[in-house]
């Protein structure tokens, strides 16, 4: 996966967690005292060969900068490639853009100048151990424009409230995407 840029998109979903996210993004929530949720995402990328990681910090970036630093724990503190932190972009005097496209567009030159040909975008709020090399191999073999990694989960009772969902038909084809 050395041909991929890892992109960690720090969405602003803090309202789901109340006081826990008063001063930090969701991906900066502590896990086992020493770690943060984003640590698992970065480690998974680095352990699968991604050497260039871009992190979109969201509005609450102080705790991110304090914890991530220069990327040294993941060997991402280098002159070429490494860790890139992107602060949020302002929409106007009243708030921030809320969509991913605005963030990616604001850093378009970063992607244009990158030597890597592919982009792997990941949500740091989801903890999962995934063999990204297998997923990347599948992506290349199918000559797809994009590949989505997901977990099949039944939700007959409607327990997964306020989560992104894909609705598939009996043949596994996408019917709809919703929250």
N, C-alpha and C. Protein backbone atom coordinates (compact mmCIF):
# COMPACT_ATOMS: atom_id res chain seq x y z
N UNK A 1 0.82 -1.20 0.00
CA UNK A 1 0.00 0.00 0.00
C UNK A 1 0.86 1.25 0.00
N UNK A 2 2.11 1.10 -0.38
CA UNK A 2 2.99 2.27 -0.43
C UNK A 2 2.60 3.23 -1.55
N UNK A 3 1.62 2.85 -2.37
CA UNK A 3 1.13 3.73 -3.43
C UNK A 3 -0.11 4.50 -3.00
N UNK A 4 -0.43 4.45 -1.69
CA UNK A 4 -1.63 5.11 -1.17
C UNK A 4 -1.28 6.22 -0.18
N UNK A 5 -2.07 7.27 -0.24
CA UNK A 5 -2.06 8.28 0.80
C UNK A 5 -3.19 7.90 1.76
N UNK A 6 -2.91 7.88 3.04
CA UNK A 6 -3.95 7.64 4.02
C UNK A 6 -4.58 8.96 4.43
N UNK A 7 -5.89 9.05 4.35
CA UNK A 7 -6.61 10.26 4.73
C UNK A 7 -7.53 9.92 5.90
N UNK A 8 -7.33 10.62 6.99
CA UNK A 8 -8.18 10.45 8.17
C UNK A 8 -9.04 11.69 8.27
N UNK A 9 -10.33 11.47 8.15
CA UNK A 9 -11.26 12.57 8.11
C UNK A 9 -11.91 12.75 9.47
N UNK A 10 -11.45 13.73 10.23
CA UNK A 10 -11.99 14.00 11.56
C UNK A 10 -13.30 14.75 11.47
N UNK A 11 -14.38 14.02 11.31
CA UNK A 11 -15.70 14.64 11.22
C UNK A 11 -16.05 15.32 12.54
N UNK A 12 -17.03 16.17 12.50
CA UNK A 12 -17.45 16.89 13.69
C UNK A 12 -18.74 16.29 14.24
N UNK A 13 -18.64 15.10 14.84
CA UNK A 13 -19.80 14.41 15.40
C UNK A 13 -19.80 14.48 16.93
N UNK A 14 -19.23 15.53 17.49
CA UNK A 14 -19.08 15.63 18.94
C UNK A 14 -20.41 15.70 19.68
N UNK A 15 -21.47 16.15 19.01
CA UNK A 15 -22.75 16.31 19.69
C UNK A 15 -23.33 14.99 20.18
N UNK A 16 -22.86 13.86 19.67
CA UNK A 16 -23.35 12.56 20.13
C UNK A 16 -22.80 12.18 21.50
N UNK A 17 -21.72 12.86 21.94
CA UNK A 17 -21.00 12.43 23.13
C UNK A 17 -21.04 13.43 24.28
N UNK A 18 -21.79 14.50 24.14
CA UNK A 18 -21.97 15.46 25.22
C UNK A 18 -20.66 16.02 25.75
N UNK A 19 -20.53 16.00 27.09
CA UNK A 19 -19.38 16.60 27.76
C UNK A 19 -18.05 15.92 27.46
N UNK A 20 -18.08 14.66 27.01
CA UNK A 20 -16.83 13.98 26.69
C UNK A 20 -16.07 14.67 25.56
N UNK A 21 -16.81 15.35 24.69
CA UNK A 21 -16.19 15.99 23.53
C UNK A 21 -16.30 17.52 23.58
N UNK A 22 -16.36 18.04 24.79
CA UNK A 22 -16.45 19.50 24.92
C UNK A 22 -15.19 20.18 24.38
N UNK A 23 -14.04 19.58 24.61
CA UNK A 23 -12.78 20.20 24.21
C UNK A 23 -11.97 19.34 23.24
N UNK A 24 -12.56 18.30 22.70
CA UNK A 24 -11.82 17.43 21.78
C UNK A 24 -12.77 16.79 20.78
N UNK A 25 -12.20 16.35 19.68
CA UNK A 25 -12.96 15.64 18.66
C UNK A 25 -13.23 14.22 19.12
N UNK A 26 -14.20 13.57 18.51
CA UNK A 26 -14.56 12.20 18.88
C UNK A 26 -13.36 11.27 18.72
N UNK A 27 -12.61 11.44 17.64
CA UNK A 27 -11.48 10.53 17.40
C UNK A 27 -10.37 10.69 18.43
N UNK A 28 -10.46 11.71 19.29
CA UNK A 28 -9.47 11.91 20.35
C UNK A 28 -9.95 11.39 21.71
N UNK A 29 -11.07 10.68 21.73
CA UNK A 29 -11.54 10.10 22.99
C UNK A 29 -10.54 9.06 23.49
N UNK A 30 -10.29 9.04 24.79
CA UNK A 30 -9.32 8.09 25.35
C UNK A 30 -9.80 6.65 25.24
N UNK A 31 -8.83 5.76 25.08
CA UNK A 31 -9.09 4.32 25.04
C UNK A 31 -7.97 3.67 25.84
N UNK A 32 -8.31 2.94 26.89
CA UNK A 32 -7.33 2.28 27.74
C UNK A 32 -6.32 3.27 28.31
N UNK A 33 -6.78 4.43 28.69
CA UNK A 33 -6.02 5.49 29.36
C UNK A 33 -4.93 6.14 28.51
N UNK A 34 -4.10 5.39 27.87
CA UNK A 34 -2.94 5.93 27.16
C UNK A 34 -3.24 6.28 25.70
N UNK A 35 -4.15 5.60 25.10
CA UNK A 35 -4.39 5.73 23.66
C UNK A 35 -5.61 6.58 23.36
N UNK A 36 -5.71 6.97 22.12
CA UNK A 36 -6.89 7.67 21.61
C UNK A 36 -7.42 6.85 20.44
N UNK A 37 -8.69 7.05 20.07
CA UNK A 37 -9.27 6.27 18.98
C UNK A 37 -8.47 6.42 17.69
N UNK A 38 -7.98 7.60 17.41
CA UNK A 38 -7.23 7.84 16.18
C UNK A 38 -5.93 7.04 16.12
N UNK A 39 -5.39 6.67 17.26
CA UNK A 39 -4.15 5.88 17.29
C UNK A 39 -4.32 4.56 16.54
N UNK A 40 -5.48 3.94 16.68
CA UNK A 40 -5.73 2.66 16.02
C UNK A 40 -5.78 2.83 14.49
N UNK A 41 -6.38 3.92 14.05
CA UNK A 41 -6.48 4.19 12.62
C UNK A 41 -5.10 4.43 12.02
N UNK A 42 -4.31 5.27 12.67
CA UNK A 42 -2.96 5.57 12.16
C UNK A 42 -2.10 4.32 12.19
N UNK A 43 -2.16 3.56 13.27
CA UNK A 43 -1.36 2.33 13.37
C UNK A 43 -1.73 1.33 12.30
N UNK A 44 -3.02 1.18 12.02
CA UNK A 44 -3.46 0.25 10.98
C UNK A 44 -2.93 0.68 9.62
N UNK A 45 -2.95 1.96 9.35
CA UNK A 45 -2.43 2.46 8.07
C UNK A 45 -0.93 2.20 7.96
N UNK A 46 -0.18 2.58 8.97
CA UNK A 46 1.28 2.43 8.94
C UNK A 46 1.67 0.96 8.88
N UNK A 47 0.97 0.11 9.65
CA UNK A 47 1.28 -1.32 9.64
C UNK A 47 0.95 -2.00 8.32
N UNK A 48 0.16 -1.35 7.48
CA UNK A 48 -0.17 -1.88 6.16
C UNK A 48 0.61 -1.18 5.05
N UNK A 49 1.62 -0.41 5.41
CA UNK A 49 2.53 0.15 4.42
C UNK A 49 2.24 1.56 3.95
N UNK A 50 1.27 2.22 4.51
CA UNK A 50 1.00 3.61 4.13
C UNK A 50 2.01 4.50 4.84
N UNK A 51 2.72 5.31 4.08
CA UNK A 51 3.79 6.15 4.64
C UNK A 51 3.48 7.64 4.59
N UNK A 52 2.34 7.99 4.05
CA UNK A 52 1.93 9.39 3.98
C UNK A 52 0.49 9.47 4.48
N UNK A 53 0.28 10.17 5.61
CA UNK A 53 -1.02 10.24 6.24
C UNK A 53 -1.44 11.70 6.41
N UNK A 54 -2.62 12.02 5.91
CA UNK A 54 -3.19 13.36 6.07
C UNK A 54 -4.34 13.27 7.06
N UNK A 55 -4.32 14.12 8.07
CA UNK A 55 -5.36 14.12 9.10
C UNK A 55 -6.07 15.47 9.06
N UNK A 56 -7.37 15.44 8.76
CA UNK A 56 -8.21 16.63 8.79
C UNK A 56 -8.73 16.75 10.22
N UNK A 57 -8.30 17.77 10.93
CA UNK A 57 -8.48 17.84 12.38
C UNK A 57 -9.87 18.18 12.85
N UNK A 58 -10.65 18.88 12.07
CA UNK A 58 -11.93 19.37 12.57
C UNK A 58 -11.71 20.61 13.42
N UNK A 59 -12.76 21.10 14.02
CA UNK A 59 -12.70 22.38 14.75
C UNK A 59 -11.87 22.32 16.02
N UNK A 60 -11.89 21.21 16.72
CA UNK A 60 -11.21 21.10 18.02
C UNK A 60 -9.87 20.42 17.84
N UNK A 61 -8.89 21.18 17.41
CA UNK A 61 -7.63 20.56 17.02
C UNK A 61 -6.53 20.62 18.08
N UNK A 62 -6.75 21.31 19.18
CA UNK A 62 -5.72 21.45 20.20
C UNK A 62 -5.31 20.08 20.76
N UNK A 63 -6.29 19.26 21.15
CA UNK A 63 -5.96 17.95 21.72
C UNK A 63 -5.30 17.06 20.68
N UNK A 64 -5.69 17.23 19.41
CA UNK A 64 -5.06 16.45 18.33
C UNK A 64 -3.58 16.79 18.22
N UNK A 65 -3.29 18.05 18.20
CA UNK A 65 -1.89 18.48 18.07
C UNK A 65 -1.07 18.07 19.29
N UNK A 66 -1.66 18.16 20.48
CA UNK A 66 -0.96 17.76 21.69
C UNK A 66 -0.64 16.27 21.69
N UNK A 67 -1.57 15.46 21.23
CA UNK A 67 -1.38 14.01 21.28
C UNK A 67 -0.58 13.46 20.09
N UNK A 68 -0.91 13.90 18.90
CA UNK A 68 -0.27 13.38 17.69
C UNK A 68 1.14 13.93 17.53
N UNK A 69 1.30 15.20 17.84
CA UNK A 69 2.61 15.84 17.70
C UNK A 69 3.09 15.81 16.27
N UNK A 70 4.33 15.36 16.07
CA UNK A 70 4.90 15.31 14.72
C UNK A 70 4.80 13.92 14.08
N UNK A 71 4.08 13.00 14.72
CA UNK A 71 3.91 11.66 14.16
C UNK A 71 5.02 10.69 14.52
N UNK A 72 5.88 11.06 15.44
CA UNK A 72 7.02 10.22 15.82
C UNK A 72 6.64 8.81 16.28
N UNK A 73 5.58 8.60 17.09
CA UNK A 73 5.27 7.24 17.53
C UNK A 73 4.98 6.27 16.38
N UNK A 74 4.63 6.79 15.22
CA UNK A 74 4.32 5.94 14.06
C UNK A 74 5.40 6.06 12.98
N UNK A 75 6.50 6.69 13.30
CA UNK A 75 7.59 6.92 12.35
C UNK A 75 7.11 7.73 11.14
N UNK A 76 6.27 8.71 11.42
CA UNK A 76 5.75 9.57 10.36
C UNK A 76 6.37 10.98 10.42
N UNK A 77 7.41 11.14 11.20
CA UNK A 77 8.08 12.43 11.30
C UNK A 77 9.28 12.44 10.35
N UNK A 78 9.01 12.71 9.09
CA UNK A 78 10.07 12.69 8.08
C UNK A 78 9.96 13.89 7.17
N UNK A 79 11.00 14.09 6.41
CA UNK A 79 11.03 15.21 5.48
C UNK A 79 10.18 14.94 4.25
N UNK A 80 10.18 13.71 3.78
CA UNK A 80 9.38 13.34 2.62
C UNK A 80 8.28 12.40 3.10
N UNK A 81 7.07 12.69 2.69
CA UNK A 81 5.89 11.96 3.17
C UNK A 81 5.71 12.22 4.66
N UNK A 82 5.13 11.29 5.38
CA UNK A 82 4.93 11.47 6.80
C UNK A 82 3.52 11.90 7.15
N UNK A 83 3.41 12.70 8.21
CA UNK A 83 2.12 13.13 8.74
C UNK A 83 1.85 14.58 8.36
N UNK A 84 0.64 14.83 7.88
CA UNK A 84 0.20 16.18 7.51
C UNK A 84 -1.09 16.47 8.25
N UNK A 85 -1.11 17.54 9.04
CA UNK A 85 -2.31 17.95 9.75
C UNK A 85 -2.94 19.12 9.02
N UNK A 86 -4.22 19.00 8.70
CA UNK A 86 -4.94 20.06 8.02
C UNK A 86 -6.03 20.61 8.94
N UNK A 87 -5.95 21.90 9.26
CA UNK A 87 -6.99 22.51 10.10
C UNK A 87 -8.28 22.69 9.30
N UNK A 88 -9.37 22.99 9.99
CA UNK A 88 -10.64 23.19 9.28
C UNK A 88 -10.60 24.47 8.45
N UNK A 89 -11.46 24.52 7.46
CA UNK A 89 -11.56 25.72 6.64
C UNK A 89 -12.84 26.46 7.01
N UNK A 90 -12.77 27.77 7.01
CA UNK A 90 -13.94 28.58 7.35
C UNK A 90 -14.84 28.76 6.15
N UNK A 91 -16.11 28.63 6.39
CA UNK A 91 -17.10 28.90 5.34
C UNK A 91 -17.34 30.40 5.28
N UNK A 92 -17.57 30.97 6.43
CA UNK A 92 -17.82 32.40 6.53
C UNK A 92 -17.59 32.80 7.99
N UNK A 93 -18.06 33.95 8.39
CA UNK A 93 -17.86 34.41 9.77
C UNK A 93 -18.70 33.65 10.78
N UNK A 94 -19.63 32.82 10.32
CA UNK A 94 -20.58 32.19 11.22
C UNK A 94 -20.30 30.71 11.49
N UNK A 95 -19.43 30.09 10.74
CA UNK A 95 -19.24 28.67 11.00
C UNK A 95 -18.29 28.01 10.03
N UNK A 96 -18.33 26.71 10.04
CA UNK A 96 -17.43 25.88 9.26
C UNK A 96 -18.20 25.15 8.18
N UNK A 97 -17.49 24.76 7.13
CA UNK A 97 -18.08 23.84 6.16
C UNK A 97 -18.32 22.52 6.86
N UNK A 98 -19.33 21.83 6.46
CA UNK A 98 -19.65 20.57 7.12
C UNK A 98 -19.34 19.36 6.26
N UNK A 99 -19.16 19.52 4.97
CA UNK A 99 -18.95 18.37 4.10
C UNK A 99 -17.49 18.04 3.88
N UNK A 100 -17.24 16.80 3.50
CA UNK A 100 -15.89 16.33 3.23
C UNK A 100 -15.30 16.95 1.97
N UNK A 101 -16.11 17.17 0.97
CA UNK A 101 -15.62 17.67 -0.31
C UNK A 101 -14.94 19.02 -0.14
N UNK A 102 -15.50 19.88 0.69
CA UNK A 102 -14.90 21.20 0.91
C UNK A 102 -13.50 21.07 1.51
N UNK A 103 -13.34 20.14 2.45
CA UNK A 103 -12.04 19.92 3.06
C UNK A 103 -11.03 19.43 2.03
N UNK A 104 -11.42 18.43 1.26
CA UNK A 104 -10.50 17.87 0.27
C UNK A 104 -10.16 18.89 -0.80
N UNK A 105 -11.14 19.68 -1.20
CA UNK A 105 -10.89 20.70 -2.22
C UNK A 105 -9.93 21.77 -1.71
N UNK A 106 -10.02 22.11 -0.43
CA UNK A 106 -9.14 23.13 0.12
C UNK A 106 -7.67 22.70 0.13
N UNK A 107 -7.42 21.40 0.06
CA UNK A 107 -6.05 20.88 0.06
C UNK A 107 -5.73 20.15 -1.25
N UNK A 108 -6.37 20.57 -2.30
CA UNK A 108 -6.22 19.92 -3.60
C UNK A 108 -4.76 19.86 -4.06
N UNK A 109 -3.99 20.89 -3.80
CA UNK A 109 -2.58 20.89 -4.23
C UNK A 109 -1.78 19.81 -3.52
N UNK A 110 -2.16 19.47 -2.29
CA UNK A 110 -1.50 18.38 -1.57
C UNK A 110 -1.61 17.08 -2.36
N UNK A 111 -2.81 16.79 -2.85
CA UNK A 111 -3.05 15.57 -3.62
C UNK A 111 -2.40 15.63 -5.00
N UNK A 112 -2.39 16.80 -5.60
CA UNK A 112 -1.78 16.96 -6.93
C UNK A 112 -0.27 16.74 -6.88
N UNK A 113 0.38 17.14 -5.80
CA UNK A 113 1.84 17.03 -5.69
C UNK A 113 2.30 15.71 -5.09
N UNK A 114 1.35 14.93 -4.60
CA UNK A 114 1.72 13.64 -3.97
C UNK A 114 2.21 12.66 -5.03
N UNK A 115 3.17 11.84 -4.64
CA UNK A 115 3.69 10.82 -5.54
C UNK A 115 2.80 9.58 -5.58
N UNK A 116 2.00 9.40 -4.53
CA UNK A 116 1.10 8.26 -4.47
C UNK A 116 -0.05 8.43 -5.44
N UNK A 117 -0.47 7.33 -6.02
CA UNK A 117 -1.52 7.36 -7.03
C UNK A 117 -2.92 7.19 -6.44
N UNK A 118 -3.02 6.53 -5.29
CA UNK A 118 -4.31 6.18 -4.72
C UNK A 118 -4.51 6.85 -3.37
N UNK A 119 -5.78 6.98 -2.98
CA UNK A 119 -6.14 7.60 -1.71
C UNK A 119 -7.01 6.63 -0.92
N UNK A 120 -6.64 6.41 0.33
CA UNK A 120 -7.43 5.59 1.24
C UNK A 120 -8.02 6.51 2.30
N UNK A 121 -9.34 6.67 2.30
CA UNK A 121 -10.02 7.56 3.25
C UNK A 121 -10.63 6.71 4.35
N UNK A 122 -10.42 7.13 5.59
CA UNK A 122 -10.87 6.34 6.73
C UNK A 122 -11.53 7.23 7.77
N UNK A 123 -12.56 6.70 8.41
CA UNK A 123 -13.22 7.36 9.51
C UNK A 123 -12.56 6.90 10.81
N UNK A 124 -11.95 7.80 11.58
CA UNK A 124 -11.22 7.37 12.78
C UNK A 124 -12.11 7.00 13.96
N UNK A 125 -13.42 7.16 13.83
CA UNK A 125 -14.33 6.83 14.92
C UNK A 125 -14.66 5.34 14.95
N UNK A 126 -14.26 4.62 13.92
CA UNK A 126 -14.57 3.20 13.83
C UNK A 126 -13.31 2.39 14.14
N UNK A 127 -13.40 1.55 15.15
CA UNK A 127 -12.27 0.70 15.51
C UNK A 127 -12.44 -0.65 14.83
N UNK A 128 -11.47 -0.99 14.00
CA UNK A 128 -11.52 -2.27 13.30
C UNK A 128 -10.11 -2.64 12.87
N UNK A 129 -9.83 -3.92 12.95
CA UNK A 129 -8.56 -4.41 12.44
C UNK A 129 -8.84 -5.01 11.08
N UNK A 130 -8.38 -4.32 10.05
CA UNK A 130 -8.67 -4.72 8.68
C UNK A 130 -7.34 -4.89 7.95
N UNK A 131 -7.22 -5.97 7.19
CA UNK A 131 -6.03 -6.15 6.36
C UNK A 131 -6.21 -5.27 5.12
N UNK A 132 -5.64 -4.10 5.18
CA UNK A 132 -5.79 -3.14 4.09
C UNK A 132 -5.11 -3.61 2.82
N UNK A 133 -4.07 -4.43 2.95
CA UNK A 133 -3.40 -4.95 1.76
C UNK A 133 -4.33 -5.83 0.94
N UNK A 134 -5.14 -6.67 1.61
CA UNK A 134 -6.12 -7.48 0.89
C UNK A 134 -7.16 -6.61 0.20
N UNK A 135 -7.63 -5.59 0.91
CA UNK A 135 -8.63 -4.68 0.33
C UNK A 135 -8.04 -3.93 -0.87
N UNK A 136 -6.78 -3.52 -0.75
CA UNK A 136 -6.14 -2.79 -1.85
C UNK A 136 -5.92 -3.71 -3.05
N UNK A 137 -5.55 -4.94 -2.78
CA UNK A 137 -5.38 -5.91 -3.87
C UNK A 137 -6.70 -6.14 -4.60
N UNK A 138 -7.78 -6.27 -3.84
CA UNK A 138 -9.11 -6.44 -4.43
C UNK A 138 -9.47 -5.21 -5.28
N UNK A 139 -9.18 -4.04 -4.76
CA UNK A 139 -9.44 -2.79 -5.47
C UNK A 139 -8.72 -2.77 -6.82
N UNK A 140 -7.45 -3.16 -6.82
CA UNK A 140 -6.67 -3.17 -8.07
C UNK A 140 -7.16 -4.24 -9.04
N UNK A 141 -7.48 -5.42 -8.52
CA UNK A 141 -7.93 -6.52 -9.38
C UNK A 141 -9.25 -6.22 -10.08
N UNK A 142 -10.15 -5.53 -9.40
CA UNK A 142 -11.46 -5.24 -9.97
C UNK A 142 -11.47 -3.99 -10.82
N UNK A 143 -10.37 -3.25 -10.83
CA UNK A 143 -10.25 -2.01 -11.60
C UNK A 143 -11.40 -1.06 -11.27
N UNK A 144 -11.74 -0.98 -9.98
CA UNK A 144 -12.85 -0.16 -9.52
C UNK A 144 -12.42 1.30 -9.38
N UNK A 145 -13.39 2.20 -9.41
CA UNK A 145 -13.11 3.59 -9.14
C UNK A 145 -12.94 3.82 -7.64
N UNK A 146 -13.71 3.08 -6.84
CA UNK A 146 -13.54 3.10 -5.39
C UNK A 146 -14.04 1.78 -4.83
N UNK A 147 -13.55 1.46 -3.65
CA UNK A 147 -13.97 0.26 -2.93
C UNK A 147 -14.34 0.66 -1.52
N UNK A 148 -15.46 0.18 -1.04
CA UNK A 148 -15.95 0.49 0.30
C UNK A 148 -15.77 -0.73 1.18
N UNK A 149 -15.13 -0.55 2.30
CA UNK A 149 -14.96 -1.62 3.28
C UNK A 149 -16.06 -1.45 4.31
N UNK A 150 -16.83 -2.49 4.53
CA UNK A 150 -17.93 -2.40 5.47
C UNK A 150 -18.13 -3.73 6.18
N UNK A 151 -18.92 -3.69 7.23
CA UNK A 151 -19.27 -4.91 7.96
C UNK A 151 -20.76 -5.12 7.81
N UNK A 152 -21.13 -6.32 7.43
CA UNK A 152 -22.55 -6.65 7.29
C UNK A 152 -23.13 -6.84 8.69
N UNK A 153 -24.20 -6.11 8.96
CA UNK A 153 -24.81 -6.13 10.29
C UNK A 153 -26.31 -6.06 10.13
N UNK A 154 -27.02 -6.96 10.78
CA UNK A 154 -28.49 -6.93 10.76
C UNK A 154 -28.96 -5.89 11.77
N UNK A 155 -29.98 -5.14 11.42
CA UNK A 155 -30.53 -4.12 12.31
C UNK A 155 -32.06 -4.19 12.29
N UNK A 156 -32.59 -5.37 12.50
CA UNK A 156 -34.04 -5.58 12.44
C UNK A 156 -34.77 -4.77 13.51
N UNK A 157 -34.16 -4.60 14.68
CA UNK A 157 -34.80 -3.87 15.78
C UNK A 157 -34.60 -2.36 15.67
N UNK A 158 -33.71 -1.91 14.78
CA UNK A 158 -33.44 -0.49 14.66
C UNK A 158 -32.57 0.05 15.79
N UNK A 159 -31.64 -0.77 16.27
CA UNK A 159 -30.77 -0.38 17.38
C UNK A 159 -29.72 0.64 16.98
N UNK A 160 -29.33 0.66 15.72
CA UNK A 160 -28.24 1.53 15.28
C UNK A 160 -28.80 2.88 14.83
N UNK A 161 -29.08 3.72 15.82
CA UNK A 161 -29.67 5.03 15.57
C UNK A 161 -28.55 6.03 15.29
N UNK A 162 -28.81 6.95 14.35
CA UNK A 162 -27.86 7.99 13.96
C UNK A 162 -26.55 7.43 13.41
N UNK A 163 -26.60 6.31 12.75
CA UNK A 163 -25.43 5.72 12.11
C UNK A 163 -25.65 5.68 10.61
N UNK A 164 -24.56 5.76 9.87
CA UNK A 164 -24.66 5.63 8.42
C UNK A 164 -24.93 4.17 8.10
N UNK A 165 -25.88 3.94 7.18
CA UNK A 165 -26.25 2.57 6.83
C UNK A 165 -26.33 2.43 5.31
N UNK A 166 -25.98 1.24 4.85
CA UNK A 166 -26.19 0.88 3.45
C UNK A 166 -27.26 -0.21 3.44
N UNK A 167 -28.23 -0.04 2.60
CA UNK A 167 -29.28 -1.04 2.47
C UNK A 167 -29.00 -1.82 1.19
N UNK A 168 -28.80 -3.14 1.33
CA UNK A 168 -28.49 -3.99 0.20
C UNK A 168 -29.68 -4.88 -0.13
N UNK A 169 -29.83 -5.22 -1.40
CA UNK A 169 -30.89 -6.16 -1.76
C UNK A 169 -30.40 -7.59 -1.52
N UNK A 170 -31.22 -8.59 -1.83
CA UNK A 170 -30.87 -9.98 -1.55
C UNK A 170 -29.64 -10.46 -2.33
N UNK A 171 -29.33 -9.78 -3.45
CA UNK A 171 -28.16 -10.14 -4.25
C UNK A 171 -26.89 -9.39 -3.85
N UNK A 172 -27.01 -8.52 -2.83
CA UNK A 172 -25.86 -7.76 -2.37
C UNK A 172 -25.64 -6.45 -3.11
N UNK A 173 -26.60 -6.04 -3.91
CA UNK A 173 -26.50 -4.77 -4.63
C UNK A 173 -27.02 -3.63 -3.76
N UNK A 174 -26.42 -2.48 -3.89
CA UNK A 174 -26.78 -1.32 -3.10
C UNK A 174 -28.16 -0.79 -3.49
N UNK A 175 -29.05 -0.69 -2.51
CA UNK A 175 -30.37 -0.11 -2.74
C UNK A 175 -30.39 1.36 -2.33
N UNK A 176 -29.82 1.64 -1.14
CA UNK A 176 -29.80 3.02 -0.65
C UNK A 176 -28.75 3.18 0.43
N UNK A 177 -28.40 4.44 0.68
CA UNK A 177 -27.53 4.81 1.81
C UNK A 177 -28.28 5.85 2.61
N UNK A 178 -28.22 5.69 3.93
CA UNK A 178 -29.00 6.60 4.78
C UNK A 178 -28.41 6.64 6.17
N UNK A 179 -28.93 7.54 6.98
CA UNK A 179 -28.56 7.62 8.40
C UNK A 179 -29.71 7.09 9.21
